[in-house]
Amino acid sequence: MVATLAVATVGVLATSAGAQSDTAPGVTSKAVKIGFLSSETGVAAPNFVGADKACKARIAAENAKGGVNGRKIEVEAVDDKSSAANLTGAQDLVQNRDVFVVVNDSPFAFLTWRYLKGANVPMIGGGFDGSYYYDAGNENIISSLGDGTPIPGITSDTVTKLMKKFGVKKVAAIGYGASPSSSETAKATVNYAAKAQGLEPGYLNNTLDFGSTDIGPIVLGIKNSGSDGVYLPLDSNTNFAIVQQLQQNGVDIKANVLATGYSQDLLDQPIAKSITPNDILQSSYKPIELGDPRVKTFTNNLKKYAGITGIPNYGAFTGYITCDMVVTGLKNAGKNPTRQSFVDGLRKSNGGKYDSAGLTCKPIDLSYEHFGKISDTPPCIYYIQVKNGKFVPYNNGKPIQGKTVGDPDLIAKYRDTGTASTTTTAAPSS
C-alpha cells in the first residue's frame, strides 16, 4: 500500500554485513540489537501508528523474563514516514546502528528488501506489500503471513464466501494503484473470487491514489454497475469515505467488506454511529472480544509496557507479532546466534510452524519445505460488525476460510504439492 516512488539503485556495503564470526553483528554477550521500521506518520499511519510501541511491548515482556539466552533485546525503531525513508532508514539501521536483523512492518518494505538481501541481513516483513517473499533465493526475507498472497493473479474466495452469506449477487472491488496488496487483491476478487462463489463480477477500480478520499467517481461507478457487494482493501480513511458516500447516494449494498478499520480509533469517531451491520470489518487476527488467553496476554502486554488500551489497531497486531517472531527466532538460534541460525530458527524449528503469538486461528507455515508455495487453503479470516457502538464478532467469533483461486497456470506454478490436498482450486472459466 504505497504511493508511487522512484528509488535509485542502492549499492551494497563493500564488506558483507552477513559475514559471521564468533560474534554476529548486533550481538554482544549481554544484548542483541534489532531494527524496526514502521509508518508512524504519513499516509499509512491510520493503520500502522503505534506498531513500534507494540513491538517494544513484546520485547519488554521477554526482557522482563531475562531476555533470550541471557541477552536482553534492544530495539532501534525508525519511522519511515510512509515514504522512501524506509530504505534510508534500513541503511542507517544496518550501517550505523549495527542491528542483527531488521523487522520491516511497513507497506513500504518493498523498497528495501533488495538492499537487506544484498547485505545478508534477514528481514521480517508484514507480507502484505508484495510477492517477493516467495521468490527463489529470498529465504532470508520472511513474511509474517506465512504462505499466502499477494501474488498477482491469485487470491482467496473467503471474502466472496462471506458476501454470499449476505445475499450479494454482484461484486465490486477498489484498490490503490501503487499498492501490490491492494490493487492485485481487488483485481483478483472481481476476476476470480466472485466467480468461485457463483457471483457476478462487477465494478473494478484498482488505480486509486493511496489514501485518497476523492471517491465520487468510484461511488458512481459502483452505483451504475449494479454491484451490491463491495470489497475495500484500502486504508480506513478511504474505506469509510466510500461507505459514507454509498449511503448518501442511496446505493443498496448488501455487504461492504473493509480490510481495515477494526480499532478503538473507529469506535471513538462519530462515523461509528453511521455504520450498519452490512459494513463488515476484516481481521486476520483474533478479535479481542473473544477473550482468548493468548489475546489477553497480548492486550495485557500492550497496556503494561506500551500504555495501549482499547481495541488494538492493525499496526499493534503486526508490530507485536513480527517482534514475537524475533523472539522465537532468537530462542531457536542457539546461545551464539548467527543471522543464518536465526532464519533457520524460524524456518526449521517446530517443522516451520509459527503460531503468531497465538493471535491467528492456526499456525502459519514458514518452512523451507513449503517456501515459495501457496496453500490450497488460505489463512482463515475473522469478521467483525459494529452494533450499538461496540464491536461484535460475526459468526459467533468463528473465522471463515475459503479456498485459493486465480489463474489456473499460476496456481499450478505456486501450488504447495507438499500438502495433502490435490484438489484444483482455480475459479471456473467464464
Protein backbone atom coordinates (compact mmCIF):
# COMPACT_ATOMS: atom_id res chain seq x y z
CA MET A 1 0.00 0.00 0.00
CA VAL A 2 2.27 2.70 -1.24
CA ALA A 3 2.48 5.87 -3.26
CA THR A 4 4.48 5.74 -6.48
CA LEU A 5 8.09 6.39 -5.70
CA ALA A 6 11.22 6.44 -7.86
CA VAL A 7 14.08 4.88 -5.97
CA ALA A 8 17.65 4.78 -7.19
CA THR A 9 19.54 1.52 -7.05
CA VAL A 10 21.50 1.35 -3.85
CA GLY A 11 24.94 -0.21 -3.64
CA VAL A 12 25.64 -2.80 -1.03
CA LEU A 13 28.32 -2.32 1.56
CA ALA A 14 31.74 -3.36 0.34
CA THR A 15 32.14 -5.69 3.29
CA SER A 16 29.37 -8.24 3.71
CA ALA A 17 27.17 -7.41 6.66
CA GLY A 18 26.29 -11.08 6.81
CA ALA A 19 29.84 -12.34 7.32
CA GLN A 20 29.70 -14.28 10.57
CA SER A 21 32.33 -14.68 13.23
CA ASP A 22 32.12 -15.73 16.87
CA THR A 23 30.05 -12.60 17.45
CA ALA A 24 27.41 -11.75 14.87
CA PRO A 25 26.64 -8.09 14.05
CA GLY A 26 24.41 -6.57 16.70
CA VAL A 27 25.14 -9.32 19.22
CA THR A 28 27.16 -8.97 22.43
CA SER A 29 27.40 -11.22 25.46
CA LYS A 30 24.61 -9.26 27.15
CA ALA A 31 22.40 -7.91 24.35
CA VAL A 32 21.17 -8.33 20.79
CA LYS A 33 20.06 -5.28 18.82
CA ILE A 34 17.24 -5.36 16.26
CA GLY A 35 15.90 -2.72 13.90
CA PHE A 36 12.21 -1.92 13.49
CA LEU A 37 10.69 0.07 10.61
CA SER A 38 7.08 1.23 10.52
CA SER A 39 4.89 4.01 9.17
CA GLU A 40 4.10 6.05 12.26
CA THR A 41 3.35 9.19 10.25
CA GLY A 42 2.27 9.91 6.68
CA VAL A 43 -0.46 8.37 4.55
CA ALA A 44 -0.14 4.85 6.01
CA ALA A 45 -0.24 5.99 9.63
CA PRO A 46 -4.01 5.47 10.17
CA ASN A 47 -3.41 1.72 10.14
CA PHE A 48 0.15 1.49 11.46
CA VAL A 49 0.59 4.16 14.13
CA GLY A 50 1.74 2.51 17.34
CA ALA A 51 3.31 -0.51 15.64
CA ASP A 52 6.68 0.45 17.13
CA LYS A 53 5.20 0.61 20.63
CA ALA A 54 3.58 -2.80 20.17
CA CYS A 55 6.90 -4.27 19.07
CA LYS A 56 8.64 -2.80 22.09
CA ALA A 57 5.89 -4.15 24.35
CA ARG A 58 6.50 -7.71 23.15
CA ILE A 59 10.25 -7.28 23.58
CA ALA A 60 9.84 -5.70 27.02
CA ALA A 61 7.74 -8.66 28.15
CA GLU A 62 10.53 -11.02 27.10
CA ASN A 63 13.24 -8.88 28.63
CA ALA A 64 11.30 -8.93 31.90
CA LYS A 65 11.85 -12.69 31.92
CA GLY A 66 15.58 -12.22 31.46
CA GLY A 67 15.73 -11.93 27.68
CA VAL A 68 16.79 -14.74 25.36
CA ASN A 69 19.74 -16.98 26.21
CA GLY A 70 20.95 -14.43 28.74
CA ARG A 71 20.73 -11.48 26.35
CA LYS A 72 18.34 -8.57 26.57
CA ILE A 73 16.85 -7.45 23.25
CA GLU A 74 17.30 -3.81 22.27
CA VAL A 75 15.02 -2.18 19.68
CA GLU A 76 16.13 0.61 17.34
CA ALA A 77 12.88 1.99 15.88
CA VAL A 78 12.60 4.18 12.76
CA ASP A 79 9.54 5.92 11.32
CA ASP A 80 9.68 5.72 7.51
CA LYS A 81 7.02 8.44 7.29
CA SER A 82 5.17 6.37 4.67
CA SER A 83 7.88 7.08 2.13
CA ALA A 84 11.20 6.08 0.61
CA ALA A 85 12.68 6.78 4.03
CA ASN A 86 12.03 3.08 4.56
CA LEU A 87 15.16 2.39 2.52
CA THR A 88 17.34 5.08 4.07
CA GLY A 89 16.10 4.02 7.49
CA ALA A 90 17.17 0.44 6.83
CA GLN A 91 20.58 1.62 5.65
CA ASP A 92 21.01 3.60 8.84
CA LEU A 93 20.00 0.62 10.98
CA VAL A 94 22.49 -1.68 9.28
CA GLN A 95 25.42 0.62 8.57
CA ASN A 96 25.33 2.93 11.60
CA ARG A 97 23.35 1.18 14.32
CA ASP A 98 24.73 -2.32 13.64
CA VAL A 99 21.49 -4.26 14.04
CA PHE A 100 21.30 -8.05 13.89
CA VAL A 101 18.00 -8.26 11.98
CA VAL A 102 15.51 -5.77 10.53
CA VAL A 103 11.78 -6.00 11.15
CA ASN A 104 10.08 -4.09 8.34
CA ASP A 105 6.46 -3.74 9.41
CA SER A 106 5.64 -1.20 6.73
CA PRO A 107 3.73 -1.14 3.42
CA PHE A 108 6.92 0.41 2.02
CA ALA A 109 9.09 -2.61 2.75
CA PHE A 110 9.19 -3.47 -0.95
CA LEU A 111 11.60 -0.54 -1.39
CA THR A 112 14.13 -2.10 0.94
CA TRP A 113 14.28 -5.89 0.71
CA ARG A 114 16.85 -5.92 -2.11
CA TYR A 115 19.25 -3.85 -0.03
CA LEU A 116 18.85 -6.08 3.01
CA LYS A 117 19.19 -9.22 0.93
CA GLY A 118 22.40 -7.91 -0.63
CA ALA A 119 23.75 -7.02 2.81
CA ASN A 120 22.85 -10.52 4.07
CA VAL A 121 20.63 -9.08 6.78
CA PRO A 122 17.46 -11.09 7.49
CA MET A 123 14.20 -9.18 7.14
CA ILE A 124 10.90 -9.98 8.79
CA GLY A 125 8.14 -8.16 6.92
CA GLY A 126 4.39 -7.85 7.17
CA GLY A 127 3.96 -9.88 3.98
CA PHE A 128 1.29 -7.52 2.63
CA ASP A 129 3.49 -5.31 0.43
CA GLY A 130 4.45 -7.63 -2.43
CA SER A 131 5.08 -11.17 -3.65
CA TYR A 132 8.89 -11.10 -3.42
CA TYR A 133 8.71 -13.04 -0.14
CA TYR A 134 8.09 -16.19 -2.17
CA ASP A 135 10.79 -15.76 -4.84
CA ALA A 136 13.63 -18.29 -5.02
CA GLY A 137 16.70 -17.01 -3.22
CA ASN A 138 14.69 -14.88 -0.79
CA GLU A 139 14.57 -17.39 2.05
CA ASN A 140 16.05 -14.77 4.41
CA ILE A 141 13.09 -12.46 3.66
CA ILE A 142 10.35 -13.76 5.97
CA SER A 143 6.64 -12.94 5.78
CA SER A 144 4.61 -12.73 8.97
CA LEU A 145 1.71 -14.10 6.92
CA GLY A 146 3.49 -17.32 6.02
CA ASP A 147 2.36 -18.85 2.76
CA GLY A 148 -0.25 -16.68 1.13
CA THR A 149 -0.82 -13.85 -1.29
CA PRO A 150 -0.38 -11.22 -2.70
CA ILE A 151 0.76 -12.95 -5.84
CA PRO A 152 -0.70 -11.25 -8.93
CA GLY A 153 -3.50 -13.39 -10.32
CA ILE A 154 -4.04 -15.40 -7.11
CA THR A 155 -6.27 -14.68 -4.11
CA SER A 156 -8.74 -16.45 -1.85
CA ASP A 157 -12.51 -16.51 -2.14
CA THR A 158 -13.02 -16.04 1.61
CA VAL A 159 -14.43 -12.53 1.20
CA THR A 160 -16.89 -13.54 -1.53
CA LYS A 161 -17.88 -16.57 0.54
CA LEU A 162 -18.88 -14.08 3.24
CA MET A 163 -20.63 -11.82 0.73
CA LYS A 164 -22.72 -14.73 -0.49
CA LYS A 165 -23.99 -15.25 3.06
CA PHE A 166 -25.25 -11.65 2.96
CA GLY A 167 -27.13 -12.22 -0.29
CA VAL A 168 -24.69 -10.42 -2.61
CA LYS A 169 -25.13 -11.13 -6.33
CA LYS A 170 -22.60 -8.82 -7.98
CA VAL A 171 -19.15 -7.93 -6.63
CA ALA A 172 -17.19 -4.67 -6.87
CA ALA A 173 -13.69 -4.07 -5.52
CA ILE A 174 -11.49 -0.99 -5.17
CA GLY A 175 -7.70 -0.89 -4.84
CA TYR A 176 -4.80 1.53 -4.62
CA GLY A 177 -2.87 1.64 -7.89
CA ALA A 178 0.58 1.71 -6.31
CA SER A 179 -0.09 -0.97 -3.70
CA PRO A 180 0.57 -4.59 -4.72
CA SER A 181 -1.55 -5.99 -1.93
CA SER A 182 -4.45 -3.63 -2.57
CA SER A 183 -4.50 -3.46 -6.38
CA GLU A 184 -3.91 -7.16 -7.05
CA THR A 185 -6.35 -8.31 -4.38
CA ALA A 186 -9.08 -6.06 -5.74
CA LYS A 187 -8.48 -7.28 -9.28
CA ALA A 188 -8.41 -10.96 -8.36
CA THR A 189 -11.50 -10.59 -6.16
CA VAL A 190 -13.58 -9.41 -9.11
CA ASN A 191 -11.98 -11.64 -11.74
CA TYR A 192 -11.70 -14.89 -9.76
CA ALA A 193 -13.12 -14.85 -6.24
CA ALA A 194 -16.56 -13.67 -7.35
CA LYS A 195 -16.88 -16.43 -9.94
CA ALA A 196 -15.63 -19.06 -7.49
CA GLN A 197 -18.70 -18.40 -5.33
CA GLY A 198 -21.09 -18.16 -8.24
CA LEU A 199 -21.31 -14.37 -8.03
CA GLU A 200 -21.20 -11.93 -10.91
CA PRO A 201 -18.09 -9.76 -11.47
CA GLY A 202 -18.99 -6.10 -11.17
CA TYR A 203 -17.14 -2.80 -10.93
CA LEU A 204 -13.34 -2.75 -10.54
CA ASN A 205 -11.11 0.24 -9.95
CA ASN A 206 -7.60 -0.59 -8.71
CA THR A 207 -5.93 2.67 -9.72
CA LEU A 208 -6.98 4.88 -6.80
CA ASP A 209 -4.34 7.19 -5.33
CA PHE A 210 -3.06 5.99 -1.99
CA GLY A 211 -5.07 7.41 0.91
CA SER A 212 -7.42 9.34 -1.37
CA THR A 213 -10.88 10.38 -0.17
CA ASP A 214 -11.81 11.90 -3.53
CA ILE A 215 -14.01 8.96 -4.39
CA GLY A 216 -17.09 10.50 -6.07
CA PRO A 217 -16.42 8.82 -9.45
CA ILE A 218 -15.84 5.46 -7.74
CA VAL A 219 -19.14 5.62 -5.88
CA LEU A 220 -20.86 6.49 -9.15
CA GLY A 221 -19.13 3.56 -10.87
CA ILE A 222 -20.30 1.14 -8.18
CA LYS A 223 -23.84 2.50 -8.40
CA ASN A 224 -24.03 2.34 -12.20
CA SER A 225 -22.60 -1.19 -12.28
CA GLY A 226 -25.41 -2.56 -10.14
CA SER A 227 -22.93 -4.13 -7.73
CA ASP A 228 -24.42 -4.96 -4.34
CA GLY A 229 -21.26 -6.22 -2.63
CA VAL A 230 -18.07 -4.14 -2.28
CA TYR A 231 -14.63 -5.25 -1.15
CA LEU A 232 -12.37 -2.45 0.09
CA PRO A 233 -8.72 -3.49 0.67
CA LEU A 234 -7.83 0.12 1.47
CA ASP A 235 -6.83 2.27 4.42
CA SER A 236 -9.51 3.25 6.90
CA ASN A 237 -9.91 6.84 5.71
CA THR A 238 -10.66 5.76 2.14
CA ASN A 239 -12.82 2.82 3.20
CA PHE A 240 -15.18 4.88 5.32
CA ALA A 241 -15.33 7.72 2.81
CA ILE A 242 -16.64 5.21 0.25
CA VAL A 243 -19.07 3.63 2.71
CA GLN A 244 -20.50 7.01 3.68
CA GLN A 245 -20.92 8.23 0.12
CA LEU A 246 -22.59 4.98 -0.91
CA GLN A 247 -25.09 5.58 1.90
CA GLN A 248 -25.58 9.22 0.95
CA ASN A 249 -26.22 8.27 -2.68
CA GLY A 250 -28.78 5.67 -1.72
CA VAL A 251 -26.82 2.74 -3.18
CA ASP A 252 -28.28 -0.54 -1.93
CA ILE A 253 -25.24 -2.51 -0.77
CA LYS A 254 -25.83 -5.84 0.92
CA ALA A 255 -22.24 -6.13 2.15
CA ASN A 256 -19.35 -3.69 2.33
CA VAL A 257 -16.30 -5.67 3.45
CA LEU A 258 -13.48 -3.47 4.76
CA ALA A 259 -9.97 -4.89 5.07
CA THR A 260 -9.16 -2.32 7.77
CA GLY A 261 -10.96 -0.40 10.48
CA TYR A 262 -11.08 -2.74 13.47
CA SER A 263 -9.61 -0.46 16.14
CA GLN A 264 -10.53 1.76 19.06
CA ASP A 265 -10.00 4.75 16.81
CA LEU A 266 -13.07 3.82 14.80
CA LEU A 267 -15.32 3.49 17.83
CA ASP A 268 -14.17 6.89 19.08
CA GLN A 269 -15.21 8.64 15.86
CA PRO A 270 -18.71 9.94 15.02
CA ILE A 271 -18.71 7.75 11.90
CA ALA A 272 -19.18 4.69 14.11
CA LYS A 273 -22.80 5.74 14.58
CA SER A 274 -23.48 5.51 10.84
CA ILE A 275 -22.00 2.05 10.36
CA THR A 276 -24.61 -0.64 9.66
CA PRO A 277 -24.45 -4.41 10.18
CA ASN A 278 -23.82 -4.66 6.43
CA ASP A 279 -20.47 -2.91 6.89
CA ILE A 280 -18.17 -5.75 7.93
CA LEU A 281 -14.59 -5.34 9.10
CA GLN A 282 -12.00 -7.96 8.23
CA SER A 283 -9.21 -9.16 10.53
CA SER A 284 -6.52 -11.78 10.08
CA TYR A 285 -6.15 -11.76 13.86
CA LYS A 286 -8.41 -12.81 16.72
CA PRO A 287 -10.78 -10.07 17.85
CA ILE A 288 -10.02 -9.27 21.46
CA GLU A 289 -13.73 -9.63 22.28
CA LEU A 290 -13.24 -13.41 22.10
CA GLY A 291 -11.34 -13.33 25.40
CA ASP A 292 -8.81 -15.94 24.30
CA PRO A 293 -5.98 -16.43 26.87
CA ARG A 294 -3.28 -15.57 24.32
CA VAL A 295 -5.24 -12.49 23.32
CA LYS A 296 -5.36 -11.45 26.97
CA THR A 297 -1.59 -11.82 27.18
CA PHE A 298 -1.30 -9.60 24.10
CA THR A 299 -3.58 -6.85 25.42
CA ASN A 300 -2.06 -7.01 28.92
CA ASN A 301 1.44 -6.57 27.48
CA LEU A 302 0.28 -3.66 25.33
CA LYS A 303 -1.21 -1.95 28.37
CA LYS A 304 1.67 -2.69 30.76
CA TYR A 305 4.61 -1.92 28.51
CA ALA A 306 3.21 0.49 25.90
CA GLY A 307 0.21 2.16 27.50
CA ILE A 308 -2.04 0.95 24.65
CA THR A 309 -5.61 0.30 25.76
CA GLY A 310 -8.90 -0.35 24.00
CA ILE A 311 -9.09 -2.15 20.65
CA PRO A 312 -5.61 -2.52 19.08
CA ASN A 313 -5.25 -1.32 15.50
CA TYR A 314 -3.71 -3.29 12.65
CA GLY A 315 -0.22 -1.97 13.37
CA ALA A 316 -0.44 -3.05 17.01
CA PHE A 317 -1.17 -6.62 15.93
CA THR A 318 1.51 -6.74 13.25
CA GLY A 319 4.14 -4.92 15.31
CA TYR A 320 3.62 -7.31 18.20
CA ILE A 321 3.64 -10.42 16.02
CA THR A 322 6.70 -9.52 13.94
CA CYS A 323 8.69 -8.88 17.12
CA ASP A 324 7.38 -12.10 18.63
CA MET A 325 8.91 -13.72 15.54
CA VAL A 326 12.23 -12.16 16.52
CA VAL A 327 11.96 -13.69 19.99
CA THR A 328 11.07 -17.08 18.51
CA GLY A 329 13.93 -16.97 16.02
CA LEU A 330 16.46 -15.99 18.68
CA LYS A 331 15.31 -18.71 21.06
CA ASN A 332 15.78 -21.30 18.34
CA ALA A 333 19.06 -19.86 17.03
CA GLY A 334 21.18 -21.14 19.92
CA LYS A 335 23.40 -19.50 22.50
CA ASN A 336 25.66 -17.96 19.86
CA PRO A 337 23.19 -16.80 17.20
CA THR A 338 24.21 -16.04 13.66
CA ARG A 339 21.95 -14.49 11.09
CA GLN A 340 21.62 -17.82 9.33
CA SER A 341 20.85 -19.73 12.53
CA PHE A 342 18.20 -17.08 13.25
CA VAL A 343 16.50 -17.72 9.89
CA ASP A 344 16.81 -21.46 10.42
CA GLY A 345 15.33 -20.98 13.87
CA LEU A 346 12.13 -19.76 12.27
CA ARG A 347 12.06 -22.00 9.21
CA LYS A 348 13.24 -25.29 10.72
CA SER A 349 12.14 -25.37 14.36
CA ASN A 350 8.77 -26.97 15.08
CA GLY A 351 8.52 -28.05 11.47
CA GLY A 352 8.50 -24.41 10.40
CA LYS A 353 5.14 -23.86 12.08
CA TYR A 354 4.84 -20.49 13.81
CA ASP A 355 1.79 -19.68 15.94
CA SER A 356 1.73 -15.87 15.50
CA ALA A 357 1.82 -15.27 19.26
CA GLY A 358 -1.46 -17.16 19.43
CA LEU A 359 -3.28 -14.35 17.59
CA THR A 360 -4.29 -16.24 14.43
CA CYS A 361 -6.74 -19.11 14.11
CA LYS A 362 -3.97 -21.56 13.22
CA PRO A 363 -0.15 -21.57 12.86
CA ILE A 364 1.43 -20.28 9.68
CA ASP A 365 3.99 -22.22 7.63
CA LEU A 366 7.48 -20.73 7.41
CA SER A 367 9.28 -23.95 6.50
CA TYR A 368 11.90 -24.29 3.80
CA GLU A 369 9.96 -27.29 2.51
CA HIS A 370 6.94 -25.17 1.61
CA PHE A 371 8.78 -21.95 0.80
CA GLY A 372 7.52 -20.18 -2.34
CA LYS A 373 4.30 -22.15 -2.44
CA ILE A 374 0.68 -21.20 -1.86
CA SER A 375 -1.56 -23.49 0.13
CA ASP A 376 -4.89 -24.66 -1.27
CA THR A 377 -6.43 -23.47 1.99
CA PRO A 378 -5.55 -19.81 2.66
CA PRO A 379 -5.47 -18.31 6.16
CA CYS A 380 -8.81 -18.09 7.90
CA ILE A 381 -10.28 -14.64 8.47
CA TYR A 382 -12.31 -13.13 11.29
CA TYR A 383 -15.10 -10.67 10.56
CA ILE A 384 -16.48 -8.05 12.91
CA GLN A 385 -19.58 -5.84 12.89
CA VAL A 386 -20.40 -2.68 14.83
CA LYS A 387 -23.60 -2.82 16.87
CA ASN A 388 -24.71 -0.25 19.44
CA GLY A 389 -21.30 1.37 19.42
CA LYS A 390 -19.43 -1.86 20.09
CA PHE A 391 -17.57 -4.44 18.02
CA VAL A 392 -19.34 -7.77 17.73
CA PRO A 393 -17.50 -10.70 16.10
CA TYR A 394 -19.55 -12.12 13.22
CA ASN A 395 -20.45 -15.82 13.11
CA ASN A 396 -20.12 -16.07 16.90
CA GLY A 397 -16.43 -15.34 16.56
CA LYS A 398 -15.72 -18.32 14.33
CA PRO A 399 -13.36 -17.48 11.45
CA ILE A 400 -14.23 -18.13 7.83
CA GLN A 401 -11.90 -19.93 5.46
CA GLY A 402 -12.29 -20.14 1.72
CA LYS A 403 -10.05 -21.63 -0.93
CA THR A 404 -7.26 -20.37 -3.12
CA VAL A 405 -8.48 -19.17 -6.50
CA GLY A 406 -6.99 -17.45 -9.51
CA ASP A 407 -5.29 -18.02 -12.83
CA PRO A 408 -5.04 -21.83 -13.26
CA ASP A 409 -1.49 -21.65 -14.64
CA LEU A 410 -0.31 -19.53 -11.72
CA ILE A 411 -1.98 -21.80 -9.20
CA ALA A 412 -0.24 -24.78 -10.79
CA LYS A 413 3.07 -22.91 -10.56
CA TYR A 414 2.75 -21.87 -6.94
CA ARG A 415 0.67 -24.69 -5.51
CA ASP A 416 2.17 -26.39 -2.48
CA THR A 417 2.45 -30.01 -3.63
CA GLY A 418 3.81 -30.91 -0.21
CA THR A 419 0.32 -30.63 1.29
CA ALA A 420 -2.22 -33.39 1.38
CA SER A 421 -4.73 -31.51 -0.75
CA THR A 422 -4.63 -32.12 -4.51
CA THR A 423 -7.95 -30.58 -5.43
CA THR A 424 -7.96 -27.89 -8.09
CA THR A 425 -8.87 -24.53 -6.62
CA ALA A 426 -8.97 -22.38 -9.71
CA ALA A 427 -12.17 -20.48 -10.33
CA PRO A 428 -14.35 -21.84 -13.12
CA SER A 429 -13.72 -20.29 -16.52
CA SER A 430 -16.20 -17.70 -17.67
